[in-house]
Amino acid sequence: MRPKAVNSTQNTVDIHPYVQGRLRAIPRQEESAGILLGSSENGVTHITGFKRVQPNALRQAADAAGPALAGFFRLQTPDAPTLRASEIELCRQTQPLFLLLNAVNGAASDALVCRPTTDGRATTEELSLTTPHKPAPVPAPHVRTASGRLPWLTLTLIAASAASGAYFYLHSTKPAPELTLDVQSGAGELAATWQQTGIAAQPLQSAALTIQDGESEQTMDLTPNFTPQGRVVLRPRTSTIAVTLNVQYTGGPRLSRATTYVGFDPVIAKPQPQPDTAMRSEVANLRKRNKELLDAVTAMRKHFEQ
């Protein structure tokens, strides 16, 4: 049965436009799955990134993501148009949000938001990855006197409030700075890419990229050359790498995004084998004997030439 479209999903799930575009661009020819990254605040799940992993590695990726885990996603397939029992159980144990992407691009419903229920099933709601959510307008205050007329002071206060509200609206329509961070693999290396949307009014104070590679941790200072769009090539030595980007503008809140890549196959150059002690000694003896033979041949030539 086709799920009923409801409005509650847009009030509880907020997907960044950049992430929406990336999710729509996932190839539909093969089964894709992964984890959603973000945070939850006041009942709203903000999805600011995602990481593609193998379907059988969702639990491992979820554990590695830690508090940055916001849910899971998977591409619908003919044999699994809804959540599998294992996926429902995974949501109940970790994060109760699963996004099923429509297998056909441009469909009426781009995705389904699934949440597990106590009876072992899942509620399903339609979600668009193209239509941004617009908050409902706040109604104006209704104040009247006993005579039914608005007093002059109240009119003045309402006018002042409307003016300040218009000023706040015009200034709040400028998008606040936001960050997205992703890690992609290729040619035996990883590349961390980020994009900042919105322009900060304050000057940049600091920018740093922290790479956790197994037991080692390295922090790169990006402050001198930081740009809203950037890319750093990584060459990890372990299969799991965690990357965190922290950007701080003077007088503003810190922008921070983290992502974890699981299942990387590092290419480590093998050291050239060194000859053992016995072989080195034998080579030295052969060189010595060769020199003695050359000296003997030289002496015999001199003898016959006399």
C-alpha atoms as a PDB file:
ATOM      1  CA  MET A   1       0.000   0.000   0.000  1.00  0.00           C
ATOM      2  CA  ARG A   2       1.331   3.448  -0.940  1.00  0.00           C
ATOM      3  CA  PRO A   3       2.411   5.413   2.145  1.00  0.00           C
ATOM      4  CA  LYS A   4       0.413   8.490   3.014  1.00  0.00           C
ATOM      5  CA  ALA A   5       2.204  11.792   2.547  1.00  0.00           C
ATOM      6  CA  VAL A   6       2.275  13.787   5.772  1.00  0.00           C
ATOM      7  CA  ASN A   7       3.709  17.144   6.757  1.00  0.00           C
ATOM      8  CA  SER A   8       5.293  16.035  10.001  1.00  0.00           C
ATOM      9  CA  THR A   9       8.404  14.717   8.260  1.00  0.00           C
ATOM     10  CA  GLN A  10       9.536  18.158   7.130  1.00  0.00           C
ATOM     11  CA  ASN A  11       9.179  19.396  10.691  1.00  0.00           C
ATOM     12  CA  THR A  12      11.397  16.637  12.101  1.00  0.00           C
ATOM     13  CA  VAL A  13      13.957  16.042   9.320  1.00  0.00           C
ATOM     14  CA  ASP A  14      16.003  18.920   7.875  1.00  0.00           C
ATOM     15  CA  ILE A  15      18.384  17.932   5.047  1.00  0.00           C
ATOM     16  CA  HIS A  16      20.938  20.456   3.863  1.00  0.00           C
ATOM     17  CA  PRO A  17      20.408  21.406   0.163  1.00  0.00           C
ATOM     18  CA  TYR A  18      23.938  20.292  -0.723  1.00  0.00           C
ATOM     19  CA  VAL A  19      23.258  16.890   0.834  1.00  0.00           C
ATOM     20  CA  GLN A  20      19.916  16.673  -1.004  1.00  0.00           C
ATOM     21  CA  GLY A  21      21.712  17.133  -4.313  1.00  0.00           C
ATOM     22  CA  ARG A  22      24.326  14.522  -3.434  1.00  0.00           C
ATOM     23  CA  LEU A  23      21.648  11.999  -2.459  1.00  0.00           C
ATOM     24  CA  ARG A  24      19.762  12.589  -5.706  1.00  0.00           C
ATOM     25  CA  ALA A  25      23.012  12.042  -7.648  1.00  0.00           C
ATOM     26  CA  ILE A  26      23.704   8.576  -6.229  1.00  0.00           C
ATOM     27  CA  PRO A  27      23.716   6.063  -9.137  1.00  0.00           C
ATOM     28  CA  ARG A  28      20.560   3.970  -9.319  1.00  0.00           C
ATOM     29  CA  GLN A  29      22.172   1.013 -11.096  1.00  0.00           C
ATOM     30  CA  GLU A  30      23.414  -0.716  -7.962  1.00  0.00           C
ATOM     31  CA  GLU A  31      22.379  -1.036  -4.350  1.00  0.00           C
ATOM     32  CA  SER A  32      23.770   1.821  -2.290  1.00  0.00           C
ATOM     33  CA  ALA A  33      23.675   2.311   1.446  1.00  0.00           C
ATOM     34  CA  GLY A  34      25.348   4.361   4.109  1.00  0.00           C
ATOM     35  CA  ILE A  35      25.009   6.449   7.224  1.00  0.00           C
ATOM     36  CA  LEU A  36      23.580   9.945   7.671  1.00  0.00           C
ATOM     37  CA  LEU A  37      25.602  12.482   9.658  1.00  0.00           C
ATOM     38  CA  GLY A  38      24.284  15.472  11.573  1.00  0.00           C
ATOM     39  CA  SER A  39      22.693  16.424  14.871  1.00  0.00           C
ATOM     40  CA  SER A  40      19.332  16.650  16.654  1.00  0.00           C
ATOM     41  CA  GLU A  41      17.956  19.737  18.356  1.00  0.00           C
ATOM     42  CA  ASN A  42      14.464  20.506  19.711  1.00  0.00           C
ATOM     43  CA  GLY A  43      13.009  17.418  18.049  1.00  0.00           C
ATOM     44  CA  VAL A  44      14.514  18.231  14.619  1.00  0.00           C
ATOM     45  CA  THR A  45      17.142  15.996  12.997  1.00  0.00           C
ATOM     46  CA  HIS A  46      19.537  18.129  10.933  1.00  0.00           C
ATOM     47  CA  ILE A  47      21.317  16.059   8.256  1.00  0.00           C
ATOM     48  CA  THR A  48      24.504  17.806   7.119  1.00  0.00           C
ATOM     49  CA  GLY A  49      26.406  14.929   5.510  1.00  0.00           C
ATOM     50  CA  PHE A  50      26.465  11.255   4.688  1.00  0.00           C
ATOM     51  CA  LYS A  51      28.905   8.427   4.072  1.00  0.00           C
ATOM     52  CA  ARG A  52      28.413   5.560   1.620  1.00  0.00           C
ATOM     53  CA  VAL A  53      29.355   2.121   2.974  1.00  0.00           C
ATOM     54  CA  GLN A  54      28.533  -1.467   2.134  1.00  0.00           C
ATOM     55  CA  PRO A  55      25.062  -2.576   3.352  1.00  0.00           C
ATOM     56  CA  ASN A  56      26.640  -5.203   5.596  1.00  0.00           C
ATOM     57  CA  ALA A  57      28.929  -2.603   7.217  1.00  0.00           C
ATOM     58  CA  LEU A  58      26.252  -0.192   8.497  1.00  0.00           C
ATOM     59  CA  ARG A  59      26.696  -1.204  12.150  1.00  0.00           C
ATOM     60  CA  GLN A  60      30.460  -0.771  11.983  1.00  0.00           C
ATOM     61  CA  ALA A  61      30.122   2.641  10.323  1.00  0.00           C
ATOM     62  CA  ALA A  62      27.502   3.710  12.879  1.00  0.00           C
ATOM     63  CA  ASP A  63      29.788   2.789  15.773  1.00  0.00           C
ATOM     64  CA  ALA A  64      32.672   4.695  14.168  1.00  0.00           C
ATOM     65  CA  ALA A  65      30.531   7.819  13.607  1.00  0.00           C
ATOM     66  CA  GLY A  66      29.665   8.093  17.306  1.00  0.00           C
ATOM     67  CA  PRO A  67      27.539  11.132  18.247  1.00  0.00           C
ATOM     68  CA  ALA A  68      27.644  12.418  14.645  1.00  0.00           C
ATOM     69  CA  LEU A  69      25.328   9.566  13.563  1.00  0.00           C
ATOM     70  CA  ALA A  70      21.920  10.889  12.457  1.00  0.00           C
ATOM     71  CA  GLY A  71      20.493   7.786  10.763  1.00  0.00           C
ATOM     72  CA  PHE A  72      20.896   5.479   7.767  1.00  0.00           C
ATOM     73  CA  PHE A  73      19.978   5.431   4.100  1.00  0.00           C
ATOM     74  CA  ARG A  74      19.623   2.826   1.360  1.00  0.00           C
ATOM     75  CA  LEU A  75      18.498   2.710  -2.243  1.00  0.00           C
ATOM     76  CA  GLN A  76      15.242   0.834  -2.768  1.00  0.00           C
ATOM     77  CA  THR A  77      15.529  -2.444  -4.661  1.00  0.00           C
ATOM     78  CA  PRO A  78      12.829  -4.703  -6.133  1.00  0.00           C
ATOM     79  CA  ASP A  79      13.447  -7.316  -3.444  1.00  0.00           C
ATOM     80  CA  ALA A  80      13.576  -4.743  -0.612  1.00  0.00           C
ATOM     81  CA  PRO A  81      11.203  -1.826  -1.306  1.00  0.00           C
ATOM     82  CA  THR A  82      10.726  -1.368   2.458  1.00  0.00           C
ATOM     83  CA  LEU A  83      12.923  -1.841   5.494  1.00  0.00           C
ATOM     84  CA  ARG A  84      14.339  -5.273   6.171  1.00  0.00           C
ATOM     85  CA  ALA A  85      13.949  -6.797   9.616  1.00  0.00           C
ATOM     86  CA  SER A  86      17.674  -6.385  10.256  1.00  0.00           C
ATOM     87  CA  GLU A  87      17.465  -2.682   9.360  1.00  0.00           C
ATOM     88  CA  ILE A  88      14.545  -2.134  11.719  1.00  0.00           C
ATOM     89  CA  GLU A  89      16.495  -3.782  14.515  1.00  0.00           C
ATOM     90  CA  LEU A  90      19.576  -1.669  13.682  1.00  0.00           C
ATOM     91  CA  CYS A  91      17.497   1.516  13.947  1.00  0.00           C
ATOM     92  CA  ARG A  92      15.993   0.443  17.271  1.00  0.00           C
ATOM     93  CA  GLN A  93      19.458  -0.170  18.710  1.00  0.00           C
ATOM     94  CA  THR A  94      21.271   2.912  17.349  1.00  0.00           C
ATOM     95  CA  GLN A  95      19.387   5.743  15.609  1.00  0.00           C
ATOM     96  CA  PRO A  96      15.647   5.512  14.799  1.00  0.00           C
ATOM     97  CA  LEU A  97      15.799   7.110  11.341  1.00  0.00           C
ATOM     98  CA  PHE A  98      16.169   5.340   7.993  1.00  0.00           C
ATOM     99  CA  LEU A  99      15.957   7.057   4.610  1.00  0.00           C
ATOM    100  CA  LEU A 100      14.877   4.898   1.643  1.00  0.00           C
ATOM    101  CA  LEU A 101      15.854   6.589  -1.613  1.00  0.00           C
ATOM    102  CA  ASN A 102      13.527   6.066  -4.570  1.00  0.00           C
ATOM    103  CA  ALA A 103      15.141   3.863  -7.209  1.00  0.00           C
ATOM    104  CA  VAL A 104      13.917   6.193  -9.977  1.00  0.00           C
ATOM    105  CA  ASN A 105      15.246   9.742 -10.221  1.00  0.00           C
ATOM    106  CA  GLY A 106      12.602  12.435 -10.556  1.00  0.00           C
ATOM    107  CA  ALA A 107       9.830  10.344  -9.000  1.00  0.00           C
ATOM    108  CA  ALA A 108       6.916  11.983  -7.184  1.00  0.00           C
ATOM    109  CA  SER A 109       8.415  10.853  -3.882  1.00  0.00           C
ATOM    110  CA  ASP A 110      12.213  11.189  -3.778  1.00  0.00           C
ATOM    111  CA  ALA A 111      12.581   9.276  -0.521  1.00  0.00           C
ATOM    112  CA  LEU A 112      10.724   7.567   2.300  1.00  0.00           C
ATOM    113  CA  VAL A 113      11.447   8.329   5.946  1.00  0.00           C
ATOM    114  CA  CYS A 114      11.081   5.163   8.003  1.00  0.00           C
ATOM    115  CA  ARG A 115      11.038   4.933  11.787  1.00  0.00           C
ATOM    116  CA  PRO A 116      10.768   1.653  13.735  1.00  0.00           C
ATOM    117  CA  THR A 117       7.760   1.005  15.972  1.00  0.00           C
ATOM    118  CA  THR A 118       7.428  -1.104  19.099  1.00  0.00           C
ATOM    119  CA  ASP A 119       5.674  -3.926  17.223  1.00  0.00           C
ATOM    120  CA  GLY A 120       8.673  -4.654  14.978  1.00  0.00           C
ATOM    121  CA  ARG A 121       7.403  -2.702  11.983  1.00  0.00           C
ATOM    122  CA  ALA A 122       8.143   0.813  10.724  1.00  0.00           C
ATOM    123  CA  THR A 123       6.148   3.954   9.997  1.00  0.00           C
ATOM    124  CA  THR A 124       6.718   5.356   6.499  1.00  0.00           C
ATOM    125  CA  GLU A 125       6.361   8.928   5.297  1.00  0.00           C
ATOM    126  CA  GLU A 126       7.133  10.521   1.946  1.00  0.00           C
ATOM    127  CA  LEU A 127       9.880  13.122   1.690  1.00  0.00           C
ATOM    128  CA  SER A 128      10.917  15.426  -1.154  1.00  0.00           C
ATOM    129  CA  LEU A 129      14.598  16.128  -1.752  1.00  0.00           C
ATOM    130  CA  THR A 130      13.850  19.190  -3.882  1.00  0.00           C
ATOM    131  CA  THR A 131      11.191  21.205  -2.031  1.00  0.00           C
ATOM    132  CA  PRO A 132      12.621  23.231   0.883  1.00  0.00           C
ATOM    133  CA  HIS A 133      10.570  23.461   4.062  1.00  0.00           C
ATOM    134  CA  LYS A 134       9.001  26.849   4.780  1.00  0.00           C
ATOM    135  CA  PRO A 135       8.070  27.473   8.438  1.00  0.00           C
ATOM    136  CA  ALA A 136       4.499  28.546   9.123  1.00  0.00           C
ATOM    137  CA  PRO A 137       4.108  32.291   9.716  1.00  0.00           C
ATOM    138  CA  VAL A 138       3.605  33.433  13.303  1.00  0.00           C
ATOM    139  CA  PRO A 139       0.164  35.083  13.730  1.00  0.00           C
ATOM    140  CA  ALA A 140       0.105  38.722  14.804  1.00  0.00           C
ATOM    141  CA  PRO A 141      -1.073  39.449  18.369  1.00  0.00           C
ATOM    142  CA  HIS A 142      -4.801  40.237  18.725  1.00  0.00           C
ATOM    143  CA  VAL A 143      -5.237  42.967  21.352  1.00  0.00           C
ATOM    144  CA  ARG A 144      -8.379  45.032  21.909  1.00  0.00           C
ATOM    145  CA  THR A 145      -9.738  47.312  24.628  1.00  0.00           C
ATOM    146  CA  ALA A 146     -13.118  47.023  26.258  1.00  0.00           C
ATOM    147  CA  SER A 147     -14.528  49.358  23.581  1.00  0.00           C
ATOM    148  CA  GLY A 148     -13.256  47.075  20.861  1.00  0.00           C
ATOM    149  CA  ARG A 149     -10.661  49.572  19.583  1.00  0.00           C
ATOM    150  CA  LEU A 150      -6.912  49.164  19.653  1.00  0.00           C
ATOM    151  CA  PRO A 151      -5.323  51.771  21.958  1.00  0.00           C
ATOM    152  CA  TRP A 152      -2.787  54.228  20.512  1.00  0.00           C
ATOM    153  CA  LEU A 153       0.057  52.847  22.644  1.00  0.00           C
ATOM    154  CA  THR A 154      -0.698  49.294  21.492  1.00  0.00           C
ATOM    155  CA  LEU A 155      -0.716  50.447  17.859  1.00  0.00           C
ATOM    156  CA  THR A 156       2.655  52.092  18.411  1.00  0.00           C
ATOM    157  CA  LEU A 157       4.094  48.945  20.003  1.00  0.00           C
ATOM    158  CA  ILE A 158       2.742  46.729  17.222  1.00  0.00           C
ATOM    159  CA  ALA A 159       4.167  49.070  14.562  1.00  0.00           C
ATOM    160  CA  ALA A 160       7.552  49.073  16.280  1.00  0.00           C
ATOM    161  CA  SER A 161       7.443  45.298  16.612  1.00  0.00           C
ATOM    162  CA  ALA A 162       6.538  44.918  12.938  1.00  0.00           C
ATOM    163  CA  ALA A 163       9.404  47.222  11.938  1.00  0.00           C
ATOM    164  CA  SER A 164      11.917  45.307  14.052  1.00  0.00           C
ATOM    165  CA  GLY A 165      10.525  42.030  12.746  1.00  0.00           C
ATOM    166  CA  ALA A 166      10.929  43.207   9.162  1.00  0.00           C
ATOM    167  CA  TYR A 167      14.512  44.296   9.905  1.00  0.00           C
ATOM    168  CA  PHE A 168      15.265  40.922  11.501  1.00  0.00           C
ATOM    169  CA  TYR A 169      13.664  39.077   8.590  1.00  0.00           C
ATOM    170  CA  LEU A 170      15.631  40.990   5.962  1.00  0.00           C
ATOM    171  CA  HIS A 171      18.855  40.293   7.804  1.00  0.00           C
ATOM    172  CA  SER A 172      18.033  36.713   8.747  1.00  0.00           C
ATOM    173  CA  THR A 173      17.320  35.786   5.126  1.00  0.00           C
ATOM    174  CA  LYS A 174      21.055  35.889   4.533  1.00  0.00           C
ATOM    175  CA  PRO A 175      22.104  32.274   5.018  1.00  0.00           C
ATOM    176  CA  ALA A 176      24.335  31.715   8.025  1.00  0.00           C
ATOM    177  CA  PRO A 177      27.629  29.952   7.324  1.00  0.00           C
ATOM    178  CA  GLU A 178      27.279  26.161   7.219  1.00  0.00           C
ATOM    179  CA  LEU A 179      29.787  23.425   6.504  1.00  0.00           C
ATOM    180  CA  THR A 180      29.620  20.102   4.694  1.00  0.00           C
ATOM    181  CA  LEU A 181      32.464  17.583   4.835  1.00  0.00           C
ATOM    182  CA  ASP A 182      32.979  14.425   2.824  1.00  0.00           C
ATOM    183  CA  VAL A 183      35.722  11.839   2.307  1.00  0.00           C
ATOM    184  CA  GLN A 184      36.082   9.973  -0.999  1.00  0.00           C
ATOM    185  CA  SER A 185      38.496   7.244  -2.062  1.00  0.00           C
ATOM    186  CA  GLY A 186      40.414   6.746  -5.270  1.00  0.00           C
ATOM    187  CA  ALA A 187      43.811   5.564  -6.556  1.00  0.00           C
ATOM    188  CA  GLY A 188      44.941   4.224  -3.191  1.00  0.00           C
ATOM    189  CA  GLU A 189      44.289   7.479  -1.346  1.00  0.00           C
ATOM    190  CA  LEU A 190      41.490   9.476   0.264  1.00  0.00           C
ATOM    191  CA  ALA A 191      40.441  13.053  -0.383  1.00  0.00           C
ATOM    192  CA  ALA A 192      38.686  15.201   2.221  1.00  0.00           C
ATOM    193  CA  THR A 193      36.490  17.831   0.569  1.00  0.00           C
ATOM    194  CA  TRP A 194      34.466  20.568   2.240  1.00  0.00           C
ATOM    195  CA  GLN A 195      32.114  23.349   1.207  1.00  0.00           C
ATOM    196  CA  GLN A 196      30.973  26.361   3.190  1.00  0.00           C
ATOM    197  CA  THR A 197      27.667  27.972   2.279  1.00  0.00           C
ATOM    198  CA  GLY A 198      26.811  31.443   3.501  1.00  0.00           C
ATOM    199  CA  ILE A 199      29.209  34.307   4.105  1.00  0.00           C
ATOM    200  CA  ALA A 200      30.448  35.170   7.580  1.00  0.00           C
ATOM    201  CA  ALA A 201      30.370  38.840   8.508  1.00  0.00           C
ATOM    202  CA  GLN A 202      33.343  38.433  10.841  1.00  0.00           C
ATOM    203  CA  PRO A 203      36.949  37.736   9.783  1.00  0.00           C
ATOM    204  CA  LEU A 204      38.332  34.220   9.944  1.00  0.00           C
ATOM    205  CA  GLN A 205      40.015  33.421  13.244  1.00  0.00           C
ATOM    206  CA  SER A 206      41.139  29.815  12.717  1.00  0.00           C
ATOM    207  CA  ALA A 207      40.574  26.753  10.540  1.00  0.00           C
ATOM    208  CA  ALA A 208      41.979  23.299  11.234  1.00  0.00           C
ATOM    209  CA  LEU A 209      41.564  19.797   9.837  1.00  0.00           C
ATOM    210  CA  THR A 210      42.135  16.929  12.285  1.00  0.00           C
ATOM    211  CA  ILE A 211      42.840  13.430  10.917  1.00  0.00           C
ATOM    212  CA  GLN A 212      42.548  10.408  13.214  1.00  0.00           C
ATOM    213  CA  ASP A 213      44.356   7.522  11.478  1.00  0.00           C
ATOM    214  CA  GLY A 214      44.270   4.474  13.718  1.00  0.00           C
ATOM    215  CA  GLU A 215      46.255   5.340  16.853  1.00  0.00           C
ATOM    216  CA  SER A 216      47.852   8.450  15.340  1.00  0.00           C
ATOM    217  CA  GLU A 217      46.310  11.923  15.118  1.00  0.00           C
ATOM    218  CA  GLN A 218      47.399  14.850  12.998  1.00  0.00           C
ATOM    219  CA  THR A 219      46.068  18.419  12.841  1.00  0.00           C
ATOM    220  CA  MET A 220      46.585  20.580   9.763  1.00  0.00           C
ATOM    221  CA  ASP A 221      46.387  24.365  10.157  1.00  0.00           C
ATOM    222  CA  LEU A 222      44.303  25.687   7.232  1.00  0.00           C
ATOM    223  CA  THR A 223      44.011  29.258   8.514  1.00  0.00           C
ATOM    224  CA  PRO A 224      46.475  30.978   6.112  1.00  0.00           C
ATOM    225  CA  ASN A 225      44.942  29.483   2.941  1.00  0.00           C
ATOM    226  CA  PHE A 226      41.391  28.540   3.944  1.00  0.00           C
ATOM    227  CA  THR A 227      38.732  28.863   1.216  1.00  0.00           C
ATOM    228  CA  PRO A 228      34.981  28.081   1.314  1.00  0.00           C
ATOM    229  CA  GLN A 229      35.625  25.129  -1.005  1.00  0.00           C
ATOM    230  CA  GLY A 230      38.674  22.979  -0.444  1.00  0.00           C
ATOM    231  CA  ARG A 231      40.235  19.573  -0.910  1.00  0.00           C
ATOM    232  CA  VAL A 232      43.045  17.815   0.953  1.00  0.00           C
ATOM    233  CA  VAL A 233      44.568  14.509  -0.172  1.00  0.00           C
ATOM    234  CA  LEU A 234      45.040  11.942   2.605  1.00  0.00           C
ATOM    235  CA  ARG A 235      47.171   8.817   2.558  1.00  0.00           C
ATOM    236  CA  PRO A 236      46.058   6.818   5.610  1.00  0.00           C
ATOM    237  CA  ARG A 237      47.835   3.701   6.815  1.00  0.00           C
ATOM    238  CA  THR A 238      44.771   2.048   8.427  1.00  0.00           C
ATOM    239  CA  SER A 239      41.329   0.988   7.196  1.00  0.00           C
ATOM    240  CA  THR A 240      39.359   3.508   9.314  1.00  0.00           C
ATOM    241  CA  ILE A 241      40.012   7.242   9.271  1.00  0.00           C
ATOM    242  CA  ALA A 242      38.065  10.011  11.038  1.00  0.00           C
ATOM    243  CA  VAL A 243      38.261  13.598   9.747  1.00  0.00           C
ATOM    244  CA  THR A 244      37.070  16.700  11.633  1.00  0.00           C
ATOM    245  CA  LEU A 245      36.975  20.245  10.250  1.00  0.00           C
ATOM    246  CA  ASN A 246      36.737  23.159  12.716  1.00  0.00           C
ATOM    247  CA  VAL A 247      36.270  26.729  11.449  1.00  0.00           C
ATOM    248  CA  GLN A 248      36.055  29.695  13.828  1.00  0.00           C
ATOM    249  CA  TYR A 249      35.080  33.246  12.866  1.00  0.00           C
ATOM    250  CA  THR A 250      35.713  36.132  15.265  1.00  0.00           C
ATOM    251  CA  GLY A 251      32.718  36.656  17.537  1.00  0.00           C
ATOM    252  CA  GLY A 252      30.696  33.856  15.934  1.00  0.00           C
ATOM    253  CA  PRO A 253      29.909  30.234  16.806  1.00  0.00           C
ATOM    254  CA  ARG A 254      32.377  27.558  15.805  1.00  0.00           C
ATOM    255  CA  LEU A 255      31.540  25.580  12.654  1.00  0.00           C
ATOM    256  CA  SER A 256      32.438  21.925  13.056  1.00  0.00           C
ATOM    257  CA  ARG A 257      31.831  18.875  10.872  1.00  0.00           C
ATOM    258  CA  ALA A 258      33.137  15.321  11.230  1.00  0.00           C
ATOM    259  CA  THR A 259      32.994  12.260   8.997  1.00  0.00           C
ATOM    260  CA  THR A 260      34.440   8.753   9.190  1.00  0.00           C
ATOM    261  CA  TYR A 261      35.570   6.530   6.333  1.00  0.00           C
ATOM    262  CA  VAL A 262      35.422   2.800   7.036  1.00  0.00           C
ATOM    263  CA  GLY A 263      36.909   0.020   4.915  1.00  0.00           C
ATOM    264  CA  PHE A 264      39.842   1.784   3.234  1.00  0.00           C
ATOM    265  CA  ASP A 265      42.505  -0.521   1.800  1.00  0.00           C
ATOM    266  CA  PRO A 266      45.827   1.302   2.276  1.00  0.00           C
ATOM    267  CA  VAL A 267      48.611   0.684  -0.211  1.00  0.00           C
ATOM    268  CA  ILE A 268      51.828   0.436   1.775  1.00  0.00           C
ATOM    269  CA  ALA A 269      55.137   0.168  -0.073  1.00  0.00           C
ATOM    270  CA  LYS A 270      56.997  -2.995   0.864  1.00  0.00           C
ATOM    271  CA  PRO A 271      60.652  -2.530   1.856  1.00  0.00           C
ATOM    272  CA  GLN A 272      63.229  -3.998  -0.492  1.00  0.00           C
ATOM    273  CA  PRO A 273      64.664  -7.248   0.861  1.00  0.00           C
ATOM    274  CA  GLN A 274      68.196  -6.922   2.157  1.00  0.00           C
ATOM    275  CA  PRO A 275      70.790  -9.707   1.686  1.00  0.00           C
ATOM    276  CA  ASP A 276      71.609 -11.595   4.855  1.00  0.00           C
ATOM    277  CA  THR A 277      75.014 -11.600   6.551  1.00  0.00           C
ATOM    278  CA  ALA A 278      76.163 -14.911   5.049  1.00  0.00           C
ATOM    279  CA  MET A 279      75.400 -13.775   1.513  1.00  0.00           C
ATOM    280  CA  ARG A 280      77.231 -10.485   2.026  1.00  0.00           C
ATOM    281  CA  SER A 281      80.261 -12.348   3.347  1.00  0.00           C
ATOM    282  CA  GLU A 282      80.272 -14.720   0.347  1.00  0.00           C
ATOM    283  CA  VAL A 283      80.073 -11.815  -2.087  1.00  0.00           C
ATOM    284  CA  ALA A 284      83.006 -10.132  -0.371  1.00  0.00           C
ATOM    285  CA  ASN A 285      85.101 -13.331  -0.630  1.00  0.00           C
ATOM    286  CA  LEU A 286      84.295 -13.696  -4.336  1.00  0.00           C
ATOM    287  CA  ARG A 287      85.341 -10.114  -4.994  1.00  0.00           C
ATOM    288  CA  LYS A 288      88.618 -10.747  -3.110  1.00  0.00           C
ATOM    289  CA  ARG A 289      89.386 -13.930  -5.087  1.00  0.00           C
ATOM    290  CA  ASN A 290      88.539 -12.166  -8.331  1.00  0.00           C
ATOM    291  CA  LYS A 291      91.069  -9.445  -7.511  1.00  0.00           C
ATOM    292  CA  GLU A 292      93.738 -12.043  -6.687  1.00  0.00           C
ATOM    293  CA  LEU A 293      93.156 -13.801 -10.046  1.00  0.00           C
ATOM    294  CA  LEU A 294      93.400 -10.495 -11.909  1.00  0.00           C
ATOM    295  CA  ASP A 295      96.703  -9.733 -10.139  1.00  0.00           C
ATOM    296  CA  ALA A 296      98.037 -13.204 -11.060  1.00  0.00           C
ATOM    297  CA  VAL A 297      97.105 -12.808 -14.726  1.00  0.00           C
ATOM    298  CA  THR A 298      98.760  -9.398 -14.837  1.00  0.00           C
ATOM    299  CA  ALA A 299     101.986 -10.833 -13.341  1.00  0.00           C
ATOM    300  CA  MET A 300     102.063 -13.689 -15.875  1.00  0.00           C
ATOM    301  CA  ARG A 301     101.672 -11.268 -18.781  1.00  0.00           C
ATOM    302  CA  LYS A 302     104.607  -9.218 -17.574  1.00  0.00           C
ATOM    303  CA  HIS A 303     106.723 -12.412 -17.224  1.00  0.00           C
ATOM    304  CA  PHE A 304     106.128 -13.562 -20.830  1.00  0.00           C
ATOM    305  CA  GLU A 305     106.668 -10.100 -22.250  1.00  0.00           C
ATOM    306  CA  GLN A 306     110.274  -9.988 -20.884  1.00  0.00           C
END
